[in-house]
Each structure stands twice: as C-alpha cells, then as structure tokens.
Amino acid sequence: MLSSSQPEVRVQRAALGVSVLLLGVKFGAWYVTGSNAILTDALESIINVVAGAFALYAVLLSAKPRDREHPYGHGKIEFIVSGIEGGMIALAGLLMTGKAVVGFFEPVAIHNVSTGIILTVLTGGINLITALWLISSGKRYASLPLVADGKHLLTDAYSSLLVVGSLLMVWFTGWSVVDNIAACLLGIWIGWVGYRLIRKSLAGIMDEADMELMEEIASFLSQNRKAQWIDVHNLRVIQYGNRLHIDCHITFPFYYNLEQVHREMDDIAHLVNTAFGKQAEFFIHPDPCTPDSCKICSLNLCHERKHAFEKKIEWTKDNISLNQKHHIHETK
C-alpha cells in the first residue's frame, strides 16, 4: 500500500490544496480585468495543480519500501514525474508566449485594474510562502518532487510580481501594450524553468554524477577520516528518492581481520547517514594496503610500516572517483 503518513506526503497534499484555491482566485482576477498577463499567470496555475497532483503521486510511490521487484526502491519515479512537470511547464510557457504575441495584434481592453492588482498580490504572496515551505521540506526529506514543485510555485510567485508591475504601469500610463510585453516575458521565462527541470530529471534517470554531492561527501569523509582509513577511491553515488547508494573502495591495513574491517565500514556508513540525513546504503570493497601506501598512511605504531609517512592526501571529488589507489606521486 502507498504510505500517506510520511511527512513529505502531508506537505505535498497541503500544497496541492492551496494551488487549487489559488487557481480559482486567478481566473476570477482575469475575468474581472481581461488582462493577458493575469490570464498567463492563471494558465500557469492549471499546470501548478496538475503538476502538484503528479508530485503527490510521486511522493506517495517513492515512500514505499523496496521490495523484490524493486531492490533499489521506488525513488526513480521522482525523476520521471519531475521531467513530466518540466515538460508541462515548458509547454505552458510556449502557449503563454503565443497568447501574448496574438495580443499585440488583437488588443483587449483592460479594466478593474486595482482589483486585479490586489488579487494578484494576494495569490503571489501565498504562492511564495507555499513555495519556500515546499523547497525547505523537500531538502529536509530529500524529496525531489517537493523541491521541483516548490521551485515551480516560486516561479509563479515571481510571475505574479511581474504581473503586478505591468498592471501598475497600465494603471498609471494607460499603455495596454505593457500587459502583452509582460505576458510574453513571463512565457519565455517559464519555458526556461521547464527546460531546466527536464534537464535535471534526465540527469537523474541517466544516473549522471552529482558533483556537488560528491564534493560534500569527499569533504566530509576527509574531515572525519580515521588513520586506518588509508585511502578512498572509485567512489560513485546514485540517489533514489531519499536514499543514497554509494559504491567505493577503501584501503585498510592489510593485517586487519574481517571483523575489524566490517566495524570500520559500519562506522563510515553511520557517519554519512548522520551527516546527510539520508539513508545511505554502502557497497564497500575493502582493499589491503601495500608498501606504497605507507607514504600516505598516518597510522601510528604500525609494526608493518615499510616507508615513513610523507604527506596526507586530501580527498576531493576528483581523486576519490578515480579507480586507483592514491599514492604520493599523484600530488607531484
């Protein structure tokens, strides 16, 4: 069964309800004003509602525990849904731009501007608060659909700000063409936001390396390393929903027994899980040290040392991803 008790599910369900209410308010504002910019904003709200529904389904499905058919869980659905949402946003931007261009040739009179400004400010403010809440919750629960939906609503809030600016200009100058210019700019910007969401979802589906996350993990391991963790290399990270799957090779003293190695690997997994607030599943391949490892090994009282310690190699996203042990000559 799909889990509806997860906190991210409750957040997305509430956000969807807000989007439905704002959709009605925005179309009401367009009805009383006839503004193309407001209509553009209202049309985007249709996408907000549909995308929010998709995001809710993705959050529900990704919350399911992994099973025999899905040994890595159901987190990939988040990338797929985010891609669909991005496509819908890009399409909405294209349609909005087309409607604005038509408005240049078939201008429509704008009326009740003050009412339109008040309603647009109201909906924009609510969208801004909801967007920031979604993004914050998405980062806290490592939920891509929450972050994607939050960024979508954030663009909607910024769109409302532009709409208000254009309506104020129409109100004070009487230049109705400003309304179509604002609608056109909104459409182009919204299309760009959609493209970026599509790009990010495809990167996730293709398991593209998240270099920012790699750098965070490398920096954290380097700062918390133990002397017996001589070397980390061939590290790869894949994210499925709120889970991280980490493959890596770690060099330990060759004389460690199986129990000691297993204890060290558990310590590493516990550290990463504590720091990143995610469920990290490690697949660690332990490597025995070699005489060449002595030059970068700071382990004291090692009776098997063949060379004196020379230099500590800092772990970075570049050197921990290489499929080879670190040696002192790599830094020269």
C-alpha atoms as a PDB file:
ATOM      1  CA  MET A   1       0.000   0.000   0.000  1.00  0.00           C
ATOM      2  CA  LEU A   2       1.084   3.593  -0.620  1.00  0.00           C
ATOM      3  CA  SER A   3       2.108   5.338   2.582  1.00  0.00           C
ATOM      4  CA  SER A   4       0.137   8.537   3.282  1.00  0.00           C
ATOM      5  CA  SER A   5       1.607   9.058   6.740  1.00  0.00           C
ATOM      6  CA  GLN A   6       5.006  10.299   5.567  1.00  0.00           C
ATOM      7  CA  PRO A   7       5.612  13.989   6.389  1.00  0.00           C
ATOM      8  CA  GLU A   8       6.507  14.790   2.765  1.00  0.00           C
ATOM      9  CA  VAL A   9       3.143  13.356   1.679  1.00  0.00           C
ATOM     10  CA  ARG A  10       1.293  15.658   4.072  1.00  0.00           C
ATOM     11  CA  VAL A  11       3.284  18.660   2.855  1.00  0.00           C
ATOM     12  CA  GLN A  12       2.564  17.953  -0.824  1.00  0.00           C
ATOM     13  CA  ARG A  13      -1.124  17.277  -0.158  1.00  0.00           C
ATOM     14  CA  ALA A  14      -1.497  20.644   1.600  1.00  0.00           C
ATOM     15  CA  ALA A  15       0.375  22.432  -1.195  1.00  0.00           C
ATOM     16  CA  LEU A  16      -1.927  20.877  -3.785  1.00  0.00           C
ATOM     17  CA  GLY A  17      -4.960  22.146  -1.903  1.00  0.00           C
ATOM     18  CA  VAL A  18      -3.507  25.675  -1.876  1.00  0.00           C
ATOM     19  CA  SER A  19      -2.853  25.512  -5.630  1.00  0.00           C
ATOM     20  CA  VAL A  20      -6.486  24.538  -6.322  1.00  0.00           C
ATOM     21  CA  LEU A  21      -7.767  27.512  -4.304  1.00  0.00           C
ATOM     22  CA  LEU A  22      -5.398  29.966  -5.982  1.00  0.00           C
ATOM     23  CA  LEU A  23      -6.384  28.673  -9.417  1.00  0.00           C
ATOM     24  CA  GLY A  24      -9.951  29.853  -8.812  1.00  0.00           C
ATOM     25  CA  VAL A  25      -8.814  33.249  -7.496  1.00  0.00           C
ATOM     26  CA  LYS A  26      -6.543  33.894 -10.506  1.00  0.00           C
ATOM     27  CA  PHE A  27      -9.207  33.071 -13.070  1.00  0.00           C
ATOM     28  CA  GLY A  28     -11.539  35.343 -11.127  1.00  0.00           C
ATOM     29  CA  ALA A  29      -8.942  38.134 -11.419  1.00  0.00           C
ATOM     30  CA  TRP A  30      -8.653  37.543 -15.167  1.00  0.00           C
ATOM     31  CA  TYR A  31     -12.450  37.573 -15.544  1.00  0.00           C
ATOM     32  CA  VAL A  32     -12.813  40.980 -13.926  1.00  0.00           C
ATOM     33  CA  THR A  33      -9.809  42.598 -15.657  1.00  0.00           C
ATOM     34  CA  GLY A  34      -9.378  40.938 -19.068  1.00  0.00           C
ATOM     35  CA  SER A  35      -5.582  41.160 -18.609  1.00  0.00           C
ATOM     36  CA  ASN A  36      -3.448  38.853 -20.759  1.00  0.00           C
ATOM     37  CA  ALA A  37      -0.706  38.905 -18.125  1.00  0.00           C
ATOM     38  CA  ILE A  38      -3.156  37.726 -15.470  1.00  0.00           C
ATOM     39  CA  LEU A  39      -4.503  35.087 -17.861  1.00  0.00           C
ATOM     40  CA  THR A  40      -0.932  33.890 -18.416  1.00  0.00           C
ATOM     41  CA  ASP A  41      -0.481  33.636 -14.674  1.00  0.00           C
ATOM     42  CA  ALA A  42      -3.824  31.795 -14.353  1.00  0.00           C
ATOM     43  CA  LEU A  43      -2.950  29.320 -17.098  1.00  0.00           C
ATOM     44  CA  GLU A  44       0.279  28.521 -15.295  1.00  0.00           C
ATOM     45  CA  SER A  45      -1.812  27.760 -12.200  1.00  0.00           C
ATOM     46  CA  ILE A  46      -3.560  24.983 -14.135  1.00  0.00           C
ATOM     47  CA  ILE A  47      -0.103  23.487 -14.610  1.00  0.00           C
ATOM     48  CA  ASN A  48       0.536  24.040 -10.897  1.00  0.00           C
ATOM     49  CA  VAL A  49      -2.471  21.916  -9.985  1.00  0.00           C
ATOM     50  CA  VAL A  50      -1.731  19.115 -12.454  1.00  0.00           C
ATOM     51  CA  ALA A  51       1.973  19.116 -11.590  1.00  0.00           C
ATOM     52  CA  GLY A  52       1.129  19.136  -7.891  1.00  0.00           C
ATOM     53  CA  ALA A  53      -1.059  16.061  -8.373  1.00  0.00           C
ATOM     54  CA  PHE A  54       1.785  14.287 -10.201  1.00  0.00           C
ATOM     55  CA  ALA A  55       4.194  15.298  -7.440  1.00  0.00           C
ATOM     56  CA  LEU A  56       1.841  13.915  -4.786  1.00  0.00           C
ATOM     57  CA  TYR A  57       1.692  10.581  -6.621  1.00  0.00           C
ATOM     58  CA  ALA A  58       5.487  10.533  -6.909  1.00  0.00           C
ATOM     59  CA  VAL A  59       5.950  11.246  -3.206  1.00  0.00           C
ATOM     60  CA  LEU A  60       3.442   8.531  -2.308  1.00  0.00           C
ATOM     61  CA  LEU A  61       5.077   5.960  -4.550  1.00  0.00           C
ATOM     62  CA  SER A  62       8.662   6.787  -3.612  1.00  0.00           C
ATOM     63  CA  ALA A  63       7.723   6.399   0.074  1.00  0.00           C
ATOM     64  CA  LYS A  64       7.002   2.710  -0.491  1.00  0.00           C
ATOM     65  CA  PRO A  65       9.692   0.392   0.888  1.00  0.00           C
ATOM     66  CA  ARG A  66      11.853  -1.506  -1.560  1.00  0.00           C
ATOM     67  CA  ASP A  67      10.731  -4.989  -2.491  1.00  0.00           C
ATOM     68  CA  ARG A  68      11.919  -7.962  -4.509  1.00  0.00           C
ATOM     69  CA  GLU A  69      10.828  -6.394  -7.795  1.00  0.00           C
ATOM     70  CA  HIS A  70      12.350  -3.022  -6.881  1.00  0.00           C
ATOM     71  CA  PRO A  71      15.517  -3.779  -4.869  1.00  0.00           C
ATOM     72  CA  TYR A  72      16.642  -0.135  -5.049  1.00  0.00           C
ATOM     73  CA  GLY A  73      13.250   1.212  -4.013  1.00  0.00           C
ATOM     74  CA  HIS A  74      10.806   3.345  -5.991  1.00  0.00           C
ATOM     75  CA  GLY A  75      12.702   6.633  -5.895  1.00  0.00           C
ATOM     76  CA  LYS A  76      13.287   6.821  -9.665  1.00  0.00           C
ATOM     77  CA  ILE A  77       9.638   7.832 -10.105  1.00  0.00           C
ATOM     78  CA  GLU A  78      10.612  11.219  -8.695  1.00  0.00           C
ATOM     79  CA  PHE A  79      12.864  11.936 -11.676  1.00  0.00           C
ATOM     80  CA  ILE A  80      10.199  10.782 -14.131  1.00  0.00           C
ATOM     81  CA  VAL A  81       7.484  12.935 -12.564  1.00  0.00           C
ATOM     82  CA  SER A  82       9.799  15.944 -12.358  1.00  0.00           C
ATOM     83  CA  GLY A  83      10.513  15.516 -16.076  1.00  0.00           C
ATOM     84  CA  ILE A  84       6.786  15.416 -16.838  1.00  0.00           C
ATOM     85  CA  GLU A  85       6.280  18.517 -14.721  1.00  0.00           C
ATOM     86  CA  GLY A  86       9.114  20.271 -16.527  1.00  0.00           C
ATOM     87  CA  GLY A  87       7.569  19.376 -19.900  1.00  0.00           C
ATOM     88  CA  MET A  88       4.211  20.749 -18.810  1.00  0.00           C
ATOM     89  CA  ILE A  89       5.816  23.970 -17.583  1.00  0.00           C
ATOM     90  CA  ALA A  90       7.745  24.406 -20.845  1.00  0.00           C
ATOM     91  CA  LEU A  91       4.558  23.817 -22.867  1.00  0.00           C
ATOM     92  CA  ALA A  92       2.674  26.327 -20.719  1.00  0.00           C
ATOM     93  CA  GLY A  93       5.418  28.887 -21.342  1.00  0.00           C
ATOM     94  CA  LEU A  94       5.148  28.338 -25.086  1.00  0.00           C
ATOM     95  CA  LEU A  95       1.372  28.742 -25.062  1.00  0.00           C
ATOM     96  CA  MET A  96       1.596  31.838 -22.877  1.00  0.00           C
ATOM     97  CA  THR A  97       4.099  33.444 -25.236  1.00  0.00           C
ATOM     98  CA  GLY A  98       1.860  32.670 -28.208  1.00  0.00           C
ATOM     99  CA  LYS A  99      -1.165  34.213 -26.474  1.00  0.00           C
ATOM    100  CA  ALA A 100       0.845  37.344 -25.686  1.00  0.00           C
ATOM    101  CA  VAL A 101       2.013  37.695 -29.300  1.00  0.00           C
ATOM    102  CA  VAL A 102      -1.582  37.441 -30.526  1.00  0.00           C
ATOM    103  CA  GLY A 103      -2.461  40.196 -28.061  1.00  0.00           C
ATOM    104  CA  PHE A 104      -0.178  42.625 -29.883  1.00  0.00           C
ATOM    105  CA  PHE A 105      -2.345  42.297 -32.990  1.00  0.00           C
ATOM    106  CA  GLU A 106      -5.697  41.842 -31.270  1.00  0.00           C
ATOM    107  CA  PRO A 107      -5.529  44.103 -28.191  1.00  0.00           C
ATOM    108  CA  VAL A 108      -8.091  43.619 -25.433  1.00  0.00           C
ATOM    109  CA  ALA A 109      -9.252  46.432 -23.157  1.00  0.00           C
ATOM    110  CA  ILE A 110      -8.178  46.087 -19.527  1.00  0.00           C
ATOM    111  CA  HIS A 111     -10.488  47.178 -16.728  1.00  0.00           C
ATOM    112  CA  ASN A 112     -10.792  46.928 -12.921  1.00  0.00           C
ATOM    113  CA  VAL A 113      -7.003  47.148 -12.729  1.00  0.00           C
ATOM    114  CA  SER A 114      -6.952  47.864  -8.985  1.00  0.00           C
ATOM    115  CA  THR A 115      -8.936  44.682  -8.256  1.00  0.00           C
ATOM    116  CA  GLY A 116      -6.562  42.671 -10.435  1.00  0.00           C
ATOM    117  CA  ILE A 117      -3.541  44.077  -8.570  1.00  0.00           C
ATOM    118  CA  ILE A 118      -4.988  43.214  -5.167  1.00  0.00           C
ATOM    119  CA  LEU A 119      -5.886  39.644  -6.165  1.00  0.00           C
ATOM    120  CA  THR A 120      -2.525  39.093  -7.877  1.00  0.00           C
ATOM    121  CA  VAL A 121      -0.599  40.342  -4.835  1.00  0.00           C
ATOM    122  CA  LEU A 122      -2.662  38.027  -2.633  1.00  0.00           C
ATOM    123  CA  THR A 123      -2.088  34.926  -4.755  1.00  0.00           C
ATOM    124  CA  GLY A 124       1.577  35.755  -5.317  1.00  0.00           C
ATOM    125  CA  GLY A 125       2.218  36.124  -1.600  1.00  0.00           C
ATOM    126  CA  ILE A 126       0.512  32.824  -0.786  1.00  0.00           C
ATOM    127  CA  ASN A 127       2.443  31.093  -3.580  1.00  0.00           C
ATOM    128  CA  LEU A 128       5.729  32.496  -2.276  1.00  0.00           C
ATOM    129  CA  ILE A 129       5.093  31.190   1.246  1.00  0.00           C
ATOM    130  CA  THR A 130       3.985  27.785  -0.083  1.00  0.00           C
ATOM    131  CA  ALA A 131       6.982  27.563  -2.423  1.00  0.00           C
ATOM    132  CA  LEU A 132       9.525  28.294   0.303  1.00  0.00           C
ATOM    133  CA  TRP A 133       7.817  25.738   2.554  1.00  0.00           C
ATOM    134  CA  LEU A 134       7.934  23.081  -0.182  1.00  0.00           C
ATOM    135  CA  ILE A 135      11.591  23.715  -1.018  1.00  0.00           C
ATOM    136  CA  SER A 136      12.599  23.673   2.644  1.00  0.00           C
ATOM    137  CA  SER A 137      10.616  20.471   3.273  1.00  0.00           C
ATOM    138  CA  GLY A 138      11.977  18.863   0.095  1.00  0.00           C
ATOM    139  CA  LYS A 139      15.559  19.468   1.200  1.00  0.00           C
ATOM    140  CA  ARG A 140      14.800  18.241   4.716  1.00  0.00           C
ATOM    141  CA  TYR A 141      13.221  14.997   3.481  1.00  0.00           C
ATOM    142  CA  ALA A 142      15.454  14.650   0.372  1.00  0.00           C
ATOM    143  CA  SER A 143      12.363  14.695  -1.864  1.00  0.00           C
ATOM    144  CA  LEU A 144      12.955  15.875  -5.442  1.00  0.00           C
ATOM    145  CA  PRO A 145       9.217  16.260  -6.255  1.00  0.00           C
ATOM    146  CA  LEU A 146       8.744  18.630  -3.301  1.00  0.00           C
ATOM    147  CA  VAL A 147      11.721  20.731  -4.377  1.00  0.00           C
ATOM    148  CA  ALA A 148      10.608  20.714  -8.028  1.00  0.00           C
ATOM    149  CA  ASP A 149       7.052  21.702  -7.146  1.00  0.00           C
ATOM    150  CA  GLY A 150       8.363  24.375  -4.792  1.00  0.00           C
ATOM    151  CA  LYS A 151      10.568  25.871  -7.497  1.00  0.00           C
ATOM    152  CA  HIS A 152       7.611  25.776  -9.857  1.00  0.00           C
ATOM    153  CA  LEU A 153       5.466  27.711  -7.378  1.00  0.00           C
ATOM    154  CA  LEU A 154       8.378  30.079  -6.790  1.00  0.00           C
ATOM    155  CA  THR A 155       8.402  30.974 -10.472  1.00  0.00           C
ATOM    156  CA  ASP A 156       4.659  31.507 -10.186  1.00  0.00           C
ATOM    157  CA  ALA A 157       5.240  33.930  -7.308  1.00  0.00           C
ATOM    158  CA  TYR A 158       7.847  35.833  -9.319  1.00  0.00           C
ATOM    159  CA  SER A 159       5.444  35.809 -12.255  1.00  0.00           C
ATOM    160  CA  SER A 160       2.824  37.448 -10.078  1.00  0.00           C
ATOM    161  CA  LEU A 161       5.327  40.158  -9.164  1.00  0.00           C
ATOM    162  CA  LEU A 162       5.898  40.905 -12.849  1.00  0.00           C
ATOM    163  CA  VAL A 163       2.153  40.917 -13.468  1.00  0.00           C
ATOM    164  CA  VAL A 164       1.636  43.428 -10.661  1.00  0.00           C
ATOM    165  CA  GLY A 165       4.352  45.650 -12.134  1.00  0.00           C
ATOM    166  CA  SER A 166       2.757  45.547 -15.578  1.00  0.00           C
ATOM    167  CA  LEU A 167      -0.710  46.283 -14.180  1.00  0.00           C
ATOM    168  CA  LEU A 168       0.635  49.261 -12.248  1.00  0.00           C
ATOM    169  CA  MET A 169       2.161  50.632 -15.455  1.00  0.00           C
ATOM    170  CA  VAL A 170      -1.122  50.124 -17.299  1.00  0.00           C
ATOM    171  CA  TRP A 171      -2.967  51.827 -14.458  1.00  0.00           C
ATOM    172  CA  PHE A 172      -0.715  54.891 -14.389  1.00  0.00           C
ATOM    173  CA  THR A 173       0.083  55.227 -18.105  1.00  0.00           C
ATOM    174  CA  GLY A 174      -2.842  53.623 -19.900  1.00  0.00           C
ATOM    175  CA  TRP A 175      -0.420  51.710 -22.152  1.00  0.00           C
ATOM    176  CA  SER A 176      -2.162  48.366 -22.529  1.00  0.00           C
ATOM    177  CA  VAL A 177       0.721  47.056 -24.670  1.00  0.00           C
ATOM    178  CA  VAL A 178       2.737  46.716 -21.456  1.00  0.00           C
ATOM    179  CA  ASP A 179       0.376  43.905 -20.440  1.00  0.00           C
ATOM    180  CA  ASN A 180       1.292  41.861 -23.520  1.00  0.00           C
ATOM    181  CA  ILE A 181       5.004  42.570 -23.131  1.00  0.00           C
ATOM    182  CA  ALA A 182       4.853  41.286 -19.538  1.00  0.00           C
ATOM    183  CA  ALA A 183       2.916  38.199 -20.646  1.00  0.00           C
ATOM    184  CA  CYS A 184       5.487  37.482 -23.354  1.00  0.00           C
ATOM    185  CA  LEU A 185       8.421  37.801 -20.930  1.00  0.00           C
ATOM    186  CA  LEU A 186       6.623  35.557 -18.447  1.00  0.00           C
ATOM    187  CA  GLY A 187       6.067  32.890 -21.081  1.00  0.00           C
ATOM    188  CA  ILE A 188       9.731  32.845 -22.116  1.00  0.00           C
ATOM    189  CA  TRP A 189      10.969  32.678 -18.523  1.00  0.00           C
ATOM    190  CA  ILE A 190       8.528  29.935 -17.536  1.00  0.00           C
ATOM    191  CA  GLY A 191       9.624  27.914 -20.575  1.00  0.00           C
ATOM    192  CA  TRP A 192      13.244  28.202 -19.417  1.00  0.00           C
ATOM    193  CA  VAL A 193      12.305  26.966 -15.933  1.00  0.00           C
ATOM    194  CA  GLY A 194      10.573  23.981 -17.529  1.00  0.00           C
ATOM    195  CA  TYR A 195      13.645  23.165 -19.607  1.00  0.00           C
ATOM    196  CA  ARG A 196      15.868  23.175 -16.513  1.00  0.00           C
ATOM    197  CA  LEU A 197      13.537  20.761 -14.723  1.00  0.00           C
ATOM    198  CA  ILE A 198      13.579  18.426 -17.735  1.00  0.00           C
ATOM    199  CA  ARG A 199      17.363  18.596 -17.832  1.00  0.00           C
ATOM    200  CA  LYS A 200      17.664  17.717 -14.130  1.00  0.00           C
ATOM    201  CA  SER A 201      15.210  14.817 -14.373  1.00  0.00           C
ATOM    202  CA  LEU A 202      17.048  13.325 -17.359  1.00  0.00           C
ATOM    203  CA  ALA A 203      20.322  13.611 -15.456  1.00  0.00           C
ATOM    204  CA  GLY A 204      18.773  11.626 -12.600  1.00  0.00           C
ATOM    205  CA  ILE A 205      17.323   8.971 -14.870  1.00  0.00           C
ATOM    206  CA  MET A 206      20.709   8.578 -16.589  1.00  0.00           C
ATOM    207  CA  ASP A 207      22.456   8.388 -13.180  1.00  0.00           C
ATOM    208  CA  GLU A 208      24.562  11.425 -14.005  1.00  0.00           C
ATOM    209  CA  ALA A 209      27.098  12.112 -11.274  1.00  0.00           C
ATOM    210  CA  ASP A 210      26.017  14.789  -8.829  1.00  0.00           C
ATOM    211  CA  MET A 211      29.352  16.562  -8.481  1.00  0.00           C
ATOM    212  CA  GLU A 212      28.107  18.858  -5.722  1.00  0.00           C
ATOM    213  CA  LEU A 213      27.026  15.864  -3.642  1.00  0.00           C
ATOM    214  CA  MET A 214      30.314  14.094  -4.433  1.00  0.00           C
ATOM    215  CA  GLU A 215      32.229  17.121  -3.179  1.00  0.00           C
ATOM    216  CA  GLU A 216      30.169  17.220   0.022  1.00  0.00           C
ATOM    217  CA  ILE A 217      30.793  13.534   0.712  1.00  0.00           C
ATOM    218  CA  ALA A 218      34.504  13.813  -0.106  1.00  0.00           C
ATOM    219  CA  SER A 219      34.918  16.852   2.140  1.00  0.00           C
ATOM    220  CA  PHE A 220      33.005  15.210   4.992  1.00  0.00           C
ATOM    221  CA  LEU A 221      34.976  11.963   4.811  1.00  0.00           C
ATOM    222  CA  SER A 222      38.241  13.898   4.616  1.00  0.00           C
ATOM    223  CA  GLN A 223      37.374  15.955   7.702  1.00  0.00           C
ATOM    224  CA  ASN A 224      36.269  12.897   9.707  1.00  0.00           C
ATOM    225  CA  ARG A 225      38.747  10.342   8.430  1.00  0.00           C
ATOM    226  CA  LYS A 226      40.480   7.918  10.726  1.00  0.00           C
ATOM    227  CA  ALA A 227      44.111   6.971  10.337  1.00  0.00           C
ATOM    228  CA  GLN A 228      43.144   3.396   9.455  1.00  0.00           C
ATOM    229  CA  TRP A 229      41.076   4.670   6.511  1.00  0.00           C
ATOM    230  CA  ILE A 230      44.172   4.936   4.399  1.00  0.00           C
ATOM    231  CA  ASP A 231      42.518   5.634   1.083  1.00  0.00           C
ATOM    232  CA  VAL A 232      39.104   6.040  -0.556  1.00  0.00           C
ATOM    233  CA  HIS A 233      38.762   5.643  -4.316  1.00  0.00           C
ATOM    234  CA  ASN A 234      36.366   4.593  -7.082  1.00  0.00           C
ATOM    235  CA  LEU A 235      33.514   6.280  -5.199  1.00  0.00           C
ATOM    236  CA  ARG A 236      30.180   6.523  -7.009  1.00  0.00           C
ATOM    237  CA  VAL A 237      26.926   7.937  -5.684  1.00  0.00           C
ATOM    238  CA  ILE A 238      23.413   7.339  -7.019  1.00  0.00           C
ATOM    239  CA  GLN A 239      20.328   8.853  -5.430  1.00  0.00           C
ATOM    240  CA  TYR A 240      16.954   7.091  -5.480  1.00  0.00           C
ATOM    241  CA  GLY A 241      14.402   9.282  -3.756  1.00  0.00           C
ATOM    242  CA  ASN A 242      15.666   9.872  -0.213  1.00  0.00           C
ATOM    243  CA  ARG A 243      18.206   7.058  -0.435  1.00  0.00           C
ATOM    244  CA  LEU A 244      21.845   7.247  -1.403  1.00  0.00           C
ATOM    245  CA  HIS A 245      23.584   4.213  -2.891  1.00  0.00           C
ATOM    246  CA  ILE A 246      27.323   4.588  -2.507  1.00  0.00           C
ATOM    247  CA  ASP A 247      29.907   2.289  -4.065  1.00  0.00           C
ATOM    248  CA  CYS A 248      33.550   2.742  -3.151  1.00  0.00           C
ATOM    249  CA  HIS A 249      36.867   1.064  -2.442  1.00  0.00           C
ATOM    250  CA  ILE A 250      38.571   1.748   0.892  1.00  0.00           C
ATOM    251  CA  THR A 251      42.117   0.770   1.750  1.00  0.00           C
ATOM    252  CA  PHE A 252      42.615  -0.656   5.226  1.00  0.00           C
ATOM    253  CA  PRO A 253      45.748  -2.073   6.910  1.00  0.00           C
ATOM    254  CA  PHE A 254      46.371  -5.456   5.302  1.00  0.00           C
ATOM    255  CA  TYR A 255      46.636  -7.177   8.685  1.00  0.00           C
ATOM    256  CA  TYR A 256      43.098  -6.246   9.784  1.00  0.00           C
ATOM    257  CA  ASN A 257      40.838  -9.248  10.229  1.00  0.00           C
ATOM    258  CA  LEU A 258      37.329  -9.458   8.779  1.00  0.00           C
ATOM    259  CA  GLU A 259      35.663  -8.305  11.989  1.00  0.00           C
ATOM    260  CA  GLN A 260      37.834  -5.179  12.197  1.00  0.00           C
ATOM    261  CA  VAL A 261      37.184  -4.286   8.557  1.00  0.00           C
ATOM    262  CA  HIS A 262      33.442  -4.754   8.991  1.00  0.00           C
ATOM    263  CA  ARG A 263      33.436  -2.499  12.066  1.00  0.00           C
ATOM    264  CA  GLU A 264      35.236   0.255  10.176  1.00  0.00           C
ATOM    265  CA  MET A 265      32.793   0.040   7.267  1.00  0.00           C
ATOM    266  CA  ASP A 266      29.865   0.321   9.694  1.00  0.00           C
ATOM    267  CA  ASP A 267      31.455   3.424  11.216  1.00  0.00           C
ATOM    268  CA  ILE A 268      31.739   5.053   7.792  1.00  0.00           C
ATOM    269  CA  ALA A 269      28.111   4.305   6.913  1.00  0.00           C
ATOM    270  CA  HIS A 270      26.925   5.637  10.284  1.00  0.00           C
ATOM    271  CA  LEU A 271      28.901   8.869   9.838  1.00  0.00           C
ATOM    272  CA  VAL A 272      27.485   9.579   6.388  1.00  0.00           C
ATOM    273  CA  ASN A 273      23.911   8.773   7.413  1.00  0.00           C
ATOM    274  CA  THR A 274      24.187  11.062  10.442  1.00  0.00           C
ATOM    275  CA  ALA A 275      25.650  13.951   8.460  1.00  0.00           C
ATOM    276  CA  PHE A 276      23.416  13.896   5.384  1.00  0.00           C
ATOM    277  CA  GLY A 277      20.131  12.903   6.988  1.00  0.00           C
ATOM    278  CA  LYS A 278      19.555  10.273   4.321  1.00  0.00           C
ATOM    279  CA  GLN A 279      19.508   6.524   4.278  1.00  0.00           C
ATOM    280  CA  ALA A 280      22.824   5.692   2.689  1.00  0.00           C
ATOM    281  CA  GLU A 281      23.367   2.138   1.518  1.00  0.00           C
ATOM    282  CA  PHE A 282      27.070   1.354   1.159  1.00  0.00           C
ATOM    283  CA  PHE A 283      28.712  -1.217  -1.055  1.00  0.00           C
ATOM    284  CA  ILE A 284      32.299  -1.019   0.149  1.00  0.00           C
ATOM    285  CA  HIS A 285      35.073  -3.077  -1.364  1.00  0.00           C
ATOM    286  CA  PRO A 286      37.922  -3.301   1.175  1.00  0.00           C
ATOM    287  CA  ASP A 287      41.436  -3.182  -0.260  1.00  0.00           C
ATOM    288  CA  PRO A 288      44.586  -4.188   1.664  1.00  0.00           C
ATOM    289  CA  CYS A 289      47.318  -1.598   1.911  1.00  0.00           C
ATOM    290  CA  THR A 290      50.607  -2.089   0.051  1.00  0.00           C
ATOM    291  CA  PRO A 291      54.124  -0.811   0.818  1.00  0.00           C
ATOM    292  CA  ASP A 292      53.419   2.220  -1.403  1.00  0.00           C
ATOM    293  CA  SER A 293      50.521   3.127   0.915  1.00  0.00           C
ATOM    294  CA  CYS A 294      52.903   3.782   3.809  1.00  0.00           C
ATOM    295  CA  LYS A 295      53.888   7.208   2.474  1.00  0.00           C
ATOM    296  CA  ILE A 296      50.309   8.495   2.784  1.00  0.00           C
ATOM    297  CA  CYS A 297      49.322   6.485   5.879  1.00  0.00           C
ATOM    298  CA  SER A 298      49.365   8.392   9.194  1.00  0.00           C
ATOM    299  CA  LEU A 299      48.598   5.318  11.325  1.00  0.00           C
ATOM    300  CA  ASN A 300      50.857   5.371  14.365  1.00  0.00           C
ATOM    301  CA  LEU A 301      52.553   2.324  15.877  1.00  0.00           C
ATOM    302  CA  CYS A 302      52.255   0.296  12.681  1.00  0.00           C
ATOM    303  CA  HIS A 303      54.731  -2.575  13.000  1.00  0.00           C
ATOM    304  CA  GLU A 304      54.412  -3.418   9.310  1.00  0.00           C
ATOM    305  CA  ARG A 305      55.441   0.019   8.011  1.00  0.00           C
ATOM    306  CA  LYS A 306      57.877  -0.111   5.106  1.00  0.00           C
ATOM    307  CA  HIS A 307      58.238   3.643   4.455  1.00  0.00           C
ATOM    308  CA  ALA A 308      57.965   6.759   6.597  1.00  0.00           C
ATOM    309  CA  PHE A 309      54.827   8.875   6.400  1.00  0.00           C
ATOM    310  CA  GLU A 310      55.400  11.755   3.959  1.00  0.00           C
ATOM    311  CA  LYS A 311      52.161  13.548   3.176  1.00  0.00           C
ATOM    312  CA  LYS A 312      48.442  13.433   3.832  1.00  0.00           C
ATOM    313  CA  ILE A 313      46.382  13.418   0.629  1.00  0.00           C
ATOM    314  CA  GLU A 314      43.174  15.425   0.906  1.00  0.00           C
ATOM    315  CA  TRP A 315      40.168  13.660  -0.572  1.00  0.00           C
ATOM    316  CA  THR A 316      38.279  15.589  -3.239  1.00  0.00           C
ATOM    317  CA  LYS A 317      35.516  14.756  -5.708  1.00  0.00           C
ATOM    318  CA  ASP A 318      38.211  14.323  -8.363  1.00  0.00           C
ATOM    319  CA  ASN A 319      40.597  11.907  -6.671  1.00  0.00           C
ATOM    320  CA  ILE A 320      38.051   9.758  -4.789  1.00  0.00           C
ATOM    321  CA  SER A 321      36.239   8.996  -8.039  1.00  0.00           C
ATOM    322  CA  LEU A 322      39.344   7.563  -9.726  1.00  0.00           C
ATOM    323  CA  ASN A 323      39.543   3.785  -9.906  1.00  0.00           C
ATOM    324  CA  GLN A 324      43.024   3.561  -8.421  1.00  0.00           C
ATOM    325  CA  LYS A 325      44.666   3.767  -5.027  1.00  0.00           C
ATOM    326  CA  HIS A 326      46.169   7.089  -4.033  1.00  0.00           C
ATOM    327  CA  HIS A 327      49.920   7.355  -3.909  1.00  0.00           C
ATOM    328  CA  ILE A 328      52.286  10.181  -3.033  1.00  0.00           C
ATOM    329  CA  HIS A 329      53.402  10.653  -6.628  1.00  0.00           C
ATOM    330  CA  GLU A 330      49.866  11.736  -7.599  1.00  0.00           C
ATOM    331  CA  THR A 331      50.357  15.055  -5.806  1.00  0.00           C
ATOM    332  CA  LYS A 332      53.628  15.968  -7.537  1.00  0.00           C
END
